[in-house]
Every structure is written in structure tokens, then in C-alpha cells.
Amino acid sequence: MLLAVLFEVLIRRIPNDYGYKKSYLDHHAKEVSILFLGSSHVYYGINPKYIKSSFNASYISQSFDYDLEILKKYSNQWTHLKYIVIPVDYFSFYGRLENSPEAWRAKNYRIYYDINTDHKIFNSTEMLSNKLDINLSRLLNHYVRGKNDISCSNLGWGSNYKAINHKDLVKSGATAAARHTAKDNLQYLTNLHLLDEIIAFAEHKHIKIILFTSPAYKSYVSHLSKNQLNTTLSTIKKLNTLHSTVKYFNLLQDSSFHPQDFYDADHLNEIGAKKLSLKMNVLLGKI
């Protein structure tokens, strides 16, 4: 038991992206004018380096409920926030972090972000939420090899998806599309309600919402369910029509993105991220 407690303390001291982003917002939320939220498509796809006064608070598999909690956590500190940018992609209305294969990530919000959307005991500790060999590897990497778990830039962009390490675009397209195609629509209404709450939060504070569908390679797009995609796009368009504070941009098949811009079929590499960031900067300037 004492060894488990010691391991828990040591693991929590390893710097990671969640703790870094919380610390950044704790100290700089009042300075942020443009906030990027959402999942890995934004985490790897938007580099705030190219967009003045912005911060990337997205993360891998981050769903609308966590986007909302981050907004609420710093509610009184968004004094200069003008735009909230959120991706609404093929899968956005059909799943949540805690119902996905990435559910283990929920503990990071609870432990390092002080955000708790559930009451599961195993999400309150590192030792209960990860396998022992994973925890031992993290301890070895940090305390012996001097590595940490921070993989984002100082402005929150995920920099690990390098062009030199790109995946097979054809195979990854079919695989990702299958993973993102929902078996049912049980999460649809819940996620729509969460997005409505985010919009209401923004409207109350006179902040504009920018929704966009992320660029993807043709091998991903060609394997998408037309019904799921059309439902997603029609839902966004309705929101865009109903709310004057909401603007939507569909970049899913944007012709300016080429094979060399993608790390895999639905994620951009550093080249594509620069292109998307500069494009987003231009779009924001027109609003």
C-alpha cells in the first residue's frame, strides 16, 4: 500500500499536457482572445503560433462535455475572449470520451485539470486507471531517462505528428472511418444539448462561436456513412441559421490540402497544421 501511494505521488509529479494546459489557463486565460477546443483534429491541426492571442486547449478524444467544463472553469477569466473555435466532425455528435476506447483519459481531467464529470473511483488515481507496466514505464522514463509527458507546444499545439513519420493514407482512411462510424445514435441528443450549452455560454458573454469540419484525406471521406455525415452537416447548418453568433466552415474536402499535408487520413502533420492555422486566421479576420 505504501509503495502504491509512493508511485501515485511520483507519477503525478511527471509534467504532462493536461497539467500544462491548466497551468497556462490559470495564468493567462485573461489574455486569450481566440480559444481552440475539441479533439485531436484541432490538437494536431491548429498551431496558435500563427494566430495572435490564441491558445489550443483541445486534446485527443476531447468531447463537447469537456469543452464545456473548460469554458465554465475559467468563466470569470475570459475577459478578452472574442472567439471560441470548435470542430464539429463526422463523429462529434455520436460519441463522448467516457464511452470511447480512450475513456482512460478521463482521469487526466480529474487529476490534473480539476474537472470531474463522473464519479468513477478508478478515475481518481493513476495507479487504478493504468496498468502497472505503463506506470512503471512512465516512472522509468521520467526519473531515470529524464523525459516527461508533455508533447504540446507552449501554446498547446500537439507537435508529435511529423510528416516524416506519416502513415499510409489509404489504409488509415478506411480504419479511421470505420472507428468513427457510430453503431447507434444514442449520444446524438446529449451531444447536441452540450453544444447548445456551449453556444448559450458564449452568447451570454458576447463571444462568437466558430464551428468547422476538419480537412481529411479522400480515403477517409470516401468510407464515411452518408447518413451520419449528412445528419452532422445538416445539424450544424441549423445551428448556424438559428444563432447569429455562430459561423460555420466546412473544410472536410477543402481542395487546398494535399497528401503531403496529412500525417494520416484524418490528421494533419506540421505542414498541414500551418496551412490550416493560417487559413483559420484569415477566416477569423473576415468575421
C-alpha atoms as a PDB file:
ATOM      1  CA  MET A   1       0.000   0.000   0.000  1.00  0.00           C
ATOM      2  CA  LEU A   2       2.827   2.401   0.878  1.00  0.00           C
ATOM      3  CA  LEU A   3       4.558   1.570  -2.404  1.00  0.00           C
ATOM      4  CA  ALA A   4       1.329   2.261  -4.337  1.00  0.00           C
ATOM      5  CA  VAL A   5       0.965   5.645  -2.599  1.00  0.00           C
ATOM      6  CA  LEU A   6       4.600   6.488  -3.382  1.00  0.00           C
ATOM      7  CA  PHE A   7       4.121   5.563  -7.034  1.00  0.00           C
ATOM      8  CA  GLU A   8       0.946   7.683  -7.185  1.00  0.00           C
ATOM      9  CA  VAL A   9       2.762  10.732  -5.833  1.00  0.00           C
ATOM     10  CA  LEU A  10       5.738  10.260  -8.151  1.00  0.00           C
ATOM     11  CA  ILE A  11       3.581   9.764 -11.264  1.00  0.00           C
ATOM     12  CA  ARG A  12       1.524  12.865 -10.525  1.00  0.00           C
ATOM     13  CA  ARG A  13       4.727  14.896 -10.424  1.00  0.00           C
ATOM     14  CA  ILE A  14       5.571  13.988 -14.027  1.00  0.00           C
ATOM     15  CA  PRO A  15       4.757  17.044 -16.202  1.00  0.00           C
ATOM     16  CA  ASN A  16       2.031  16.335 -18.770  1.00  0.00           C
ATOM     17  CA  ASP A  17      -0.124  18.171 -21.318  1.00  0.00           C
ATOM     18  CA  TYR A  18      -3.211  18.334 -19.109  1.00  0.00           C
ATOM     19  CA  GLY A  19      -1.367  19.904 -16.203  1.00  0.00           C
ATOM     20  CA  TYR A  20       0.466  22.229 -18.575  1.00  0.00           C
ATOM     21  CA  LYS A  21      -2.731  23.479 -20.204  1.00  0.00           C
ATOM     22  CA  LYS A  22      -4.404  24.028 -16.853  1.00  0.00           C
ATOM     23  CA  SER A  23      -1.392  25.957 -15.592  1.00  0.00           C
ATOM     24  CA  TYR A  24      -1.323  28.074 -18.751  1.00  0.00           C
ATOM     25  CA  LEU A  25      -5.002  28.971 -18.464  1.00  0.00           C
ATOM     26  CA  ASP A  26      -4.689  29.582 -14.722  1.00  0.00           C
ATOM     27  CA  HIS A  27      -2.180  32.313 -15.510  1.00  0.00           C
ATOM     28  CA  HIS A  28      -3.159  33.506 -18.997  1.00  0.00           C
ATOM     29  CA  ALA A  29      -6.893  32.915 -19.589  1.00  0.00           C
ATOM     30  CA  LYS A  30      -7.497  36.662 -19.266  1.00  0.00           C
ATOM     31  CA  GLU A  31      -5.125  37.281 -22.195  1.00  0.00           C
ATOM     32  CA  VAL A  32      -6.648  34.765 -24.638  1.00  0.00           C
ATOM     33  CA  SER A  33      -8.703  36.266 -27.470  1.00  0.00           C
ATOM     34  CA  ILE A  34      -9.175  33.084 -29.515  1.00  0.00           C
ATOM     35  CA  LEU A  35      -9.673  29.716 -27.819  1.00  0.00           C
ATOM     36  CA  PHE A  36      -9.473  26.428 -29.698  1.00  0.00           C
ATOM     37  CA  LEU A  37     -11.280  23.449 -28.198  1.00  0.00           C
ATOM     38  CA  GLY A  38     -12.130  19.961 -29.435  1.00  0.00           C
ATOM     39  CA  SER A  39     -10.391  16.713 -30.231  1.00  0.00           C
ATOM     40  CA  SER A  40      -7.170  15.555 -31.886  1.00  0.00           C
ATOM     41  CA  HIS A  41      -8.110  17.147 -35.227  1.00  0.00           C
ATOM     42  CA  VAL A  42      -7.537  20.529 -33.570  1.00  0.00           C
ATOM     43  CA  TYR A  43      -4.818  19.380 -31.173  1.00  0.00           C
ATOM     44  CA  TYR A  44      -2.613  18.378 -34.105  1.00  0.00           C
ATOM     45  CA  GLY A  45      -4.208  20.688 -36.685  1.00  0.00           C
ATOM     46  CA  ILE A  46      -4.154  24.202 -35.192  1.00  0.00           C
ATOM     47  CA  ASN A  47      -0.866  25.849 -34.219  1.00  0.00           C
ATOM     48  CA  PRO A  48      -1.576  29.095 -32.302  1.00  0.00           C
ATOM     49  CA  LYS A  49       1.899  30.270 -33.258  1.00  0.00           C
ATOM     50  CA  TYR A  50       0.260  31.588 -36.439  1.00  0.00           C
ATOM     51  CA  ILE A  51      -2.782  33.155 -34.754  1.00  0.00           C
ATOM     52  CA  LYS A  52      -2.261  36.127 -32.444  1.00  0.00           C
ATOM     53  CA  SER A  53      -3.533  35.916 -28.838  1.00  0.00           C
ATOM     54  CA  SER A  54      -4.797  32.358 -29.232  1.00  0.00           C
ATOM     55  CA  PHE A  55      -4.424  29.125 -27.282  1.00  0.00           C
ATOM     56  CA  ASN A  56      -5.101  25.499 -28.185  1.00  0.00           C
ATOM     57  CA  ALA A  57      -6.989  23.873 -25.296  1.00  0.00           C
ATOM     58  CA  SER A  58      -8.062  20.819 -27.310  1.00  0.00           C
ATOM     59  CA  TYR A  59      -6.848  17.286 -26.723  1.00  0.00           C
ATOM     60  CA  ILE A  60      -7.082  13.743 -28.026  1.00  0.00           C
ATOM     61  CA  SER A  61     -10.713  12.475 -27.903  1.00  0.00           C
ATOM     62  CA  GLN A  62     -11.842  15.600 -26.020  1.00  0.00           C
ATOM     63  CA  SER A  63     -15.623  15.716 -26.409  1.00  0.00           C
ATOM     64  CA  PHE A  64     -18.150  18.537 -26.022  1.00  0.00           C
ATOM     65  CA  ASP A  65     -18.699  17.884 -22.304  1.00  0.00           C
ATOM     66  CA  TYR A  66     -15.043  18.596 -21.521  1.00  0.00           C
ATOM     67  CA  ASP A  67     -15.010  21.605 -23.846  1.00  0.00           C
ATOM     68  CA  LEU A  68     -17.907  22.998 -21.831  1.00  0.00           C
ATOM     69  CA  GLU A  69     -16.241  22.252 -18.500  1.00  0.00           C
ATOM     70  CA  ILE A  70     -13.070  24.072 -19.547  1.00  0.00           C
ATOM     71  CA  LEU A  71     -15.133  27.108 -20.542  1.00  0.00           C
ATOM     72  CA  LYS A  72     -17.015  27.062 -17.249  1.00  0.00           C
ATOM     73  CA  LYS A  73     -13.864  26.546 -15.191  1.00  0.00           C
ATOM     74  CA  TYR A  74     -12.437  29.864 -16.367  1.00  0.00           C
ATOM     75  CA  SER A  75     -15.773  31.598 -16.788  1.00  0.00           C
ATOM     76  CA  ASN A  76     -14.743  34.722 -14.889  1.00  0.00           C
ATOM     77  CA  GLN A  77     -11.360  34.960 -16.577  1.00  0.00           C
ATOM     78  CA  TRP A  78     -12.382  35.125 -20.247  1.00  0.00           C
ATOM     79  CA  THR A  79     -12.251  38.900 -20.144  1.00  0.00           C
ATOM     80  CA  HIS A  80     -10.657  39.274 -23.604  1.00  0.00           C
ATOM     81  CA  LEU A  81     -12.105  36.191 -25.284  1.00  0.00           C
ATOM     82  CA  LYS A  82     -13.703  37.039 -28.642  1.00  0.00           C
ATOM     83  CA  TYR A  83     -13.867  33.690 -30.431  1.00  0.00           C
ATOM     84  CA  ILE A  84     -14.342  30.073 -29.396  1.00  0.00           C
ATOM     85  CA  VAL A  85     -13.391  27.692 -32.209  1.00  0.00           C
ATOM     86  CA  ILE A  86     -14.733  24.130 -32.055  1.00  0.00           C
ATOM     87  CA  PRO A  87     -14.546  21.318 -34.619  1.00  0.00           C
ATOM     88  CA  VAL A  88     -17.772  19.506 -35.403  1.00  0.00           C
ATOM     89  CA  ASP A  89     -16.596  16.456 -37.254  1.00  0.00           C
ATOM     90  CA  TYR A  90     -18.125  13.239 -38.546  1.00  0.00           C
ATOM     91  CA  PHE A  91     -18.021  11.628 -35.084  1.00  0.00           C
ATOM     92  CA  SER A  92     -18.645  14.662 -32.857  1.00  0.00           C
ATOM     93  CA  PHE A  93     -22.363  14.073 -32.179  1.00  0.00           C
ATOM     94  CA  TYR A  94     -22.043  10.307 -31.857  1.00  0.00           C
ATOM     95  CA  GLY A  95     -19.641   9.687 -29.001  1.00  0.00           C
ATOM     96  CA  ARG A  96     -18.123  11.001 -25.800  1.00  0.00           C
ATOM     97  CA  LEU A  97     -14.740  10.433 -24.220  1.00  0.00           C
ATOM     98  CA  GLU A  98     -16.070   8.248 -21.424  1.00  0.00           C
ATOM     99  CA  ASN A  99     -17.853   5.930 -23.869  1.00  0.00           C
ATOM    100  CA  SER A 100     -14.851   5.519 -26.152  1.00  0.00           C
ATOM    101  CA  PRO A 101     -11.735   3.308 -26.227  1.00  0.00           C
ATOM    102  CA  GLU A 102      -9.916   6.411 -24.944  1.00  0.00           C
ATOM    103  CA  ALA A 103     -12.032   6.522 -21.763  1.00  0.00           C
ATOM    104  CA  TRP A 104      -8.903   6.129 -19.628  1.00  0.00           C
ATOM    105  CA  ARG A 105      -8.053   9.741 -20.475  1.00  0.00           C
ATOM    106  CA  ALA A 106     -10.951  10.970 -18.323  1.00  0.00           C
ATOM    107  CA  LYS A 107      -8.815  10.574 -15.195  1.00  0.00           C
ATOM    108  CA  ASN A 108      -6.389  13.195 -16.531  1.00  0.00           C
ATOM    109  CA  TYR A 109      -9.076  15.883 -16.427  1.00  0.00           C
ATOM    110  CA  ARG A 110      -9.980  14.909 -12.887  1.00  0.00           C
ATOM    111  CA  ILE A 111      -6.426  14.655 -11.550  1.00  0.00           C
ATOM    112  CA  TYR A 112      -4.656  17.434 -13.447  1.00  0.00           C
ATOM    113  CA  TYR A 113      -7.428  19.797 -14.605  1.00  0.00           C
ATOM    114  CA  ASP A 114      -9.649  19.632 -11.509  1.00  0.00           C
ATOM    115  CA  ILE A 115     -12.538  18.764 -13.826  1.00  0.00           C
ATOM    116  CA  ASN A 116     -14.716  15.870 -12.739  1.00  0.00           C
ATOM    117  CA  THR A 117     -17.693  14.895 -14.883  1.00  0.00           C
ATOM    118  CA  ASP A 118     -18.077  11.441 -13.352  1.00  0.00           C
ATOM    119  CA  HIS A 119     -17.727   9.700 -10.009  1.00  0.00           C
ATOM    120  CA  LYS A 120     -15.805   6.590 -11.036  1.00  0.00           C
ATOM    121  CA  ILE A 121     -13.279   5.640  -8.376  1.00  0.00           C
ATOM    122  CA  PHE A 122     -10.620   4.468 -10.851  1.00  0.00           C
ATOM    123  CA  ASN A 123     -10.583   7.928 -12.448  1.00  0.00           C
ATOM    124  CA  SER A 124      -9.322   9.463  -9.218  1.00  0.00           C
ATOM    125  CA  THR A 125      -5.890   7.819  -9.229  1.00  0.00           C
ATOM    126  CA  GLU A 126      -3.130   6.996 -11.701  1.00  0.00           C
ATOM    127  CA  MET A 127      -2.475   3.596 -10.136  1.00  0.00           C
ATOM    128  CA  LEU A 128      -6.065   2.408 -10.540  1.00  0.00           C
ATOM    129  CA  SER A 129      -6.604   3.779 -14.050  1.00  0.00           C
ATOM    130  CA  ASN A 130      -3.439   2.496 -15.746  1.00  0.00           C
ATOM    131  CA  LYS A 131      -1.818  -0.925 -15.975  1.00  0.00           C
ATOM    132  CA  LEU A 132       1.207  -1.399 -13.717  1.00  0.00           C
ATOM    133  CA  ASP A 133       3.635  -1.830 -16.622  1.00  0.00           C
ATOM    134  CA  ILE A 134       2.510   1.509 -18.124  1.00  0.00           C
ATOM    135  CA  ASN A 135       3.032   3.308 -14.825  1.00  0.00           C
ATOM    136  CA  LEU A 136       6.436   1.686 -14.301  1.00  0.00           C
ATOM    137  CA  SER A 137       7.464   2.723 -17.813  1.00  0.00           C
ATOM    138  CA  ARG A 138       6.424   6.335 -17.128  1.00  0.00           C
ATOM    139  CA  LEU A 139       8.376   6.368 -13.870  1.00  0.00           C
ATOM    140  CA  LEU A 140      11.455   4.936 -15.582  1.00  0.00           C
ATOM    141  CA  ASN A 141      11.238   7.402 -18.495  1.00  0.00           C
ATOM    142  CA  HIS A 142      10.958  10.429 -16.225  1.00  0.00           C
ATOM    143  CA  TYR A 143      13.074   9.672 -13.183  1.00  0.00           C
ATOM    144  CA  VAL A 144      15.824   7.682 -14.914  1.00  0.00           C
ATOM    145  CA  ARG A 145      15.840   8.923 -18.513  1.00  0.00           C
ATOM    146  CA  GLY A 146      14.766  12.483 -17.793  1.00  0.00           C
ATOM    147  CA  LYS A 147      11.715  12.505 -20.093  1.00  0.00           C
ATOM    148  CA  ASN A 148       8.254  13.902 -19.342  1.00  0.00           C
ATOM    149  CA  ASP A 149       4.751  13.503 -20.789  1.00  0.00           C
ATOM    150  CA  ILE A 150       4.458  16.956 -22.347  1.00  0.00           C
ATOM    151  CA  SER A 151       4.047  16.675 -26.112  1.00  0.00           C
ATOM    152  CA  CYS A 152       2.437  20.051 -26.877  1.00  0.00           C
ATOM    153  CA  SER A 153       3.998  23.393 -27.725  1.00  0.00           C
ATOM    154  CA  ASN A 154       3.935  26.330 -25.320  1.00  0.00           C
ATOM    155  CA  LEU A 155       0.597  27.360 -26.892  1.00  0.00           C
ATOM    156  CA  GLY A 156      -0.971  23.899 -26.705  1.00  0.00           C
ATOM    157  CA  TRP A 157      -0.407  22.509 -30.229  1.00  0.00           C
ATOM    158  CA  GLY A 158       0.345  18.794 -30.496  1.00  0.00           C
ATOM    159  CA  SER A 159       3.648  18.579 -32.331  1.00  0.00           C
ATOM    160  CA  ASN A 160       4.164  14.803 -32.495  1.00  0.00           C
ATOM    161  CA  TYR A 161       2.521  14.106 -35.867  1.00  0.00           C
ATOM    162  CA  LYS A 162       5.521  14.719 -38.099  1.00  0.00           C
ATOM    163  CA  ALA A 163       5.417  14.485 -41.884  1.00  0.00           C
ATOM    164  CA  ILE A 164       8.496  12.269 -41.849  1.00  0.00           C
ATOM    165  CA  ASN A 165       6.597   9.652 -39.814  1.00  0.00           C
ATOM    166  CA  HIS A 166       3.397   9.722 -41.874  1.00  0.00           C
ATOM    167  CA  LYS A 167       1.059   6.728 -42.017  1.00  0.00           C
ATOM    168  CA  ASP A 168      -0.348   5.001 -45.077  1.00  0.00           C
ATOM    169  CA  LEU A 169      -3.120   7.386 -46.173  1.00  0.00           C
ATOM    170  CA  VAL A 170      -5.216   4.725 -47.876  1.00  0.00           C
ATOM    171  CA  LYS A 171      -5.194   2.176 -45.056  1.00  0.00           C
ATOM    172  CA  SER A 172      -5.551   4.748 -42.263  1.00  0.00           C
ATOM    173  CA  GLY A 173      -8.533   6.296 -44.047  1.00  0.00           C
ATOM    174  CA  ALA A 174     -10.587   3.107 -44.060  1.00  0.00           C
ATOM    175  CA  THR A 175      -9.565   2.239 -40.489  1.00  0.00           C
ATOM    176  CA  ALA A 176     -10.376   5.680 -39.041  1.00  0.00           C
ATOM    177  CA  ALA A 177     -13.702   5.932 -40.880  1.00  0.00           C
ATOM    178  CA  ALA A 178     -14.785   2.551 -39.508  1.00  0.00           C
ATOM    179  CA  ARG A 179     -13.748   3.591 -35.987  1.00  0.00           C
ATOM    180  CA  HIS A 180     -15.667   6.865 -36.256  1.00  0.00           C
ATOM    181  CA  THR A 181     -18.865   5.384 -37.695  1.00  0.00           C
ATOM    182  CA  ALA A 182     -21.405   5.011 -34.900  1.00  0.00           C
ATOM    183  CA  LYS A 183     -23.371   1.830 -34.294  1.00  0.00           C
ATOM    184  CA  ASP A 184     -26.290   3.897 -32.986  1.00  0.00           C
ATOM    185  CA  ASN A 185     -27.297   7.492 -32.305  1.00  0.00           C
ATOM    186  CA  LEU A 186     -27.741   7.178 -28.530  1.00  0.00           C
ATOM    187  CA  GLN A 187     -25.265  10.016 -27.857  1.00  0.00           C
ATOM    188  CA  TYR A 188     -26.626  12.371 -30.519  1.00  0.00           C
ATOM    189  CA  LEU A 189     -29.165  14.337 -28.453  1.00  0.00           C
ATOM    190  CA  THR A 190     -26.835  14.573 -25.443  1.00  0.00           C
ATOM    191  CA  ASN A 191     -24.039  15.993 -27.570  1.00  0.00           C
ATOM    192  CA  LEU A 192     -26.375  18.382 -29.357  1.00  0.00           C
ATOM    193  CA  HIS A 193     -27.535  19.640 -25.962  1.00  0.00           C
ATOM    194  CA  LEU A 194     -23.915  20.087 -24.850  1.00  0.00           C
ATOM    195  CA  LEU A 195     -23.109  22.104 -27.968  1.00  0.00           C
ATOM    196  CA  ASP A 196     -26.228  24.202 -27.343  1.00  0.00           C
ATOM    197  CA  GLU A 197     -24.915  24.866 -23.831  1.00  0.00           C
ATOM    198  CA  ILE A 198     -21.565  25.985 -25.222  1.00  0.00           C
ATOM    199  CA  ILE A 199     -23.335  28.344 -27.622  1.00  0.00           C
ATOM    200  CA  ALA A 200     -25.505  29.705 -24.788  1.00  0.00           C
ATOM    201  CA  PHE A 201     -22.395  30.239 -22.653  1.00  0.00           C
ATOM    202  CA  ALA A 202     -20.766  32.187 -25.480  1.00  0.00           C
ATOM    203  CA  GLU A 203     -23.858  34.256 -26.228  1.00  0.00           C
ATOM    204  CA  HIS A 204     -24.186  35.231 -22.581  1.00  0.00           C
ATOM    205  CA  LYS A 205     -20.641  36.567 -22.669  1.00  0.00           C
ATOM    206  CA  HIS A 206     -20.931  38.100 -26.162  1.00  0.00           C
ATOM    207  CA  ILE A 207     -18.367  35.683 -27.585  1.00  0.00           C
ATOM    208  CA  LYS A 208     -18.646  34.370 -31.148  1.00  0.00           C
ATOM    209  CA  ILE A 209     -18.601  30.648 -31.879  1.00  0.00           C
ATOM    210  CA  ILE A 210     -16.747  29.316 -34.912  1.00  0.00           C
ATOM    211  CA  LEU A 211     -17.657  25.762 -35.881  1.00  0.00           C
ATOM    212  CA  PHE A 212     -15.747  23.931 -38.589  1.00  0.00           C
ATOM    213  CA  THR A 213     -15.396  20.471 -40.041  1.00  0.00           C
ATOM    214  CA  SER A 214     -11.743  19.469 -40.248  1.00  0.00           C
ATOM    215  CA  PRO A 215      -9.947  18.633 -43.502  1.00  0.00           C
ATOM    216  CA  ALA A 216      -9.462  14.943 -44.254  1.00  0.00           C
ATOM    217  CA  TYR A 217      -7.890  12.877 -46.992  1.00  0.00           C
ATOM    218  CA  LYS A 218     -10.142  11.362 -49.671  1.00  0.00           C
ATOM    219  CA  SER A 219      -9.630   7.790 -48.413  1.00  0.00           C
ATOM    220  CA  TYR A 220     -11.278   8.810 -45.125  1.00  0.00           C
ATOM    221  CA  VAL A 221     -14.124  10.763 -46.713  1.00  0.00           C
ATOM    222  CA  SER A 222     -14.984   8.000 -49.186  1.00  0.00           C
ATOM    223  CA  HIS A 223     -15.571   5.500 -46.352  1.00  0.00           C
ATOM    224  CA  LEU A 224     -17.903   7.694 -44.297  1.00  0.00           C
ATOM    225  CA  SER A 225     -21.542   6.788 -43.772  1.00  0.00           C
ATOM    226  CA  LYS A 226     -23.570   9.231 -45.860  1.00  0.00           C
ATOM    227  CA  ASN A 227     -26.397   9.169 -43.333  1.00  0.00           C
ATOM    228  CA  GLN A 228     -24.142  10.032 -40.359  1.00  0.00           C
ATOM    229  CA  LEU A 229     -22.257  12.685 -42.316  1.00  0.00           C
ATOM    230  CA  ASN A 230     -25.400  14.320 -43.738  1.00  0.00           C
ATOM    231  CA  THR A 231     -27.069  14.365 -40.319  1.00  0.00           C
ATOM    232  CA  THR A 232     -23.992  16.018 -38.832  1.00  0.00           C
ATOM    233  CA  LEU A 233     -23.758  18.648 -41.558  1.00  0.00           C
ATOM    234  CA  SER A 234     -27.484  19.447 -41.520  1.00  0.00           C
ATOM    235  CA  THR A 235     -27.385  19.825 -37.722  1.00  0.00           C
ATOM    236  CA  ILE A 236     -24.514  22.296 -37.916  1.00  0.00           C
ATOM    237  CA  LYS A 237     -26.246  24.290 -40.634  1.00  0.00           C
ATOM    238  CA  LYS A 238     -29.380  24.563 -38.482  1.00  0.00           C
ATOM    239  CA  LEU A 239     -27.305  25.856 -35.565  1.00  0.00           C
ATOM    240  CA  ASN A 240     -25.637  28.314 -37.909  1.00  0.00           C
ATOM    241  CA  THR A 241     -29.059  29.555 -39.033  1.00  0.00           C
ATOM    242  CA  LEU A 242     -30.564  29.757 -35.543  1.00  0.00           C
ATOM    243  CA  HIS A 243     -27.707  31.665 -33.895  1.00  0.00           C
ATOM    244  CA  SER A 244     -26.293  34.895 -35.288  1.00  0.00           C
ATOM    245  CA  THR A 245     -23.195  34.394 -33.106  1.00  0.00           C
ATOM    246  CA  VAL A 246     -22.347  31.085 -34.803  1.00  0.00           C
ATOM    247  CA  LYS A 247     -20.363  30.806 -38.029  1.00  0.00           C
ATOM    248  CA  TYR A 248     -19.616  27.513 -39.774  1.00  0.00           C
ATOM    249  CA  PHE A 249     -16.930  26.482 -42.255  1.00  0.00           C
ATOM    250  CA  ASN A 250     -16.876  23.068 -43.926  1.00  0.00           C
ATOM    251  CA  LEU A 251     -13.242  22.213 -44.705  1.00  0.00           C
ATOM    252  CA  LEU A 252     -13.716  18.441 -44.933  1.00  0.00           C
ATOM    253  CA  GLN A 253     -12.845  18.296 -48.636  1.00  0.00           C
ATOM    254  CA  ASP A 254     -11.032  21.611 -48.935  1.00  0.00           C
ATOM    255  CA  SER A 255      -9.008  21.388 -52.151  1.00  0.00           C
ATOM    256  CA  SER A 256      -6.076  23.375 -50.748  1.00  0.00           C
ATOM    257  CA  PHE A 257      -4.984  20.375 -48.636  1.00  0.00           C
ATOM    258  CA  HIS A 258      -2.810  17.800 -50.389  1.00  0.00           C
ATOM    259  CA  PRO A 259      -1.417  14.356 -49.443  1.00  0.00           C
ATOM    260  CA  GLN A 260       1.807  15.876 -48.085  1.00  0.00           C
ATOM    261  CA  ASP A 261      -0.264  17.845 -45.526  1.00  0.00           C
ATOM    262  CA  PHE A 262      -1.546  14.735 -43.741  1.00  0.00           C
ATOM    263  CA  TYR A 263       0.039  12.591 -41.038  1.00  0.00           C
ATOM    264  CA  ASP A 264      -2.713  10.027 -41.540  1.00  0.00           C
ATOM    265  CA  ALA A 265      -6.018  10.216 -43.391  1.00  0.00           C
ATOM    266  CA  ASP A 266      -7.821  12.343 -40.795  1.00  0.00           C
ATOM    267  CA  HIS A 267      -4.972  14.208 -39.048  1.00  0.00           C
ATOM    268  CA  LEU A 268      -2.706  16.922 -40.364  1.00  0.00           C
ATOM    269  CA  ASN A 269       1.060  16.967 -39.897  1.00  0.00           C
ATOM    270  CA  GLU A 270       3.081  20.088 -39.084  1.00  0.00           C
ATOM    271  CA  ILE A 271       2.884  21.237 -42.726  1.00  0.00           C
ATOM    272  CA  GLY A 272      -0.881  20.862 -42.862  1.00  0.00           C
ATOM    273  CA  ALA A 273      -1.255  22.387 -39.405  1.00  0.00           C
ATOM    274  CA  LYS A 274       0.500  25.544 -40.550  1.00  0.00           C
ATOM    275  CA  LYS A 275      -1.755  25.699 -43.614  1.00  0.00           C
ATOM    276  CA  LEU A 276      -4.947  25.190 -41.569  1.00  0.00           C
ATOM    277  CA  SER A 277      -3.827  27.687 -38.912  1.00  0.00           C
ATOM    278  CA  LEU A 278      -3.120  30.376 -41.499  1.00  0.00           C
ATOM    279  CA  LYS A 279      -6.449  29.637 -43.209  1.00  0.00           C
ATOM    280  CA  MET A 280      -8.279  29.869 -39.882  1.00  0.00           C
ATOM    281  CA  ASN A 281      -6.549  33.170 -39.174  1.00  0.00           C
ATOM    282  CA  VAL A 282      -7.876  34.544 -42.470  1.00  0.00           C
ATOM    283  CA  LEU A 283     -11.402  33.233 -41.799  1.00  0.00           C
ATOM    284  CA  LEU A 284     -11.430  34.802 -38.332  1.00  0.00           C
ATOM    285  CA  GLY A 285     -10.338  38.090 -39.833  1.00  0.00           C
ATOM    286  CA  LYS A 286     -13.401  38.115 -42.084  1.00  0.00           C
ATOM    287  CA  ILE A 287     -15.924  37.698 -39.270  1.00  0.00           C
END
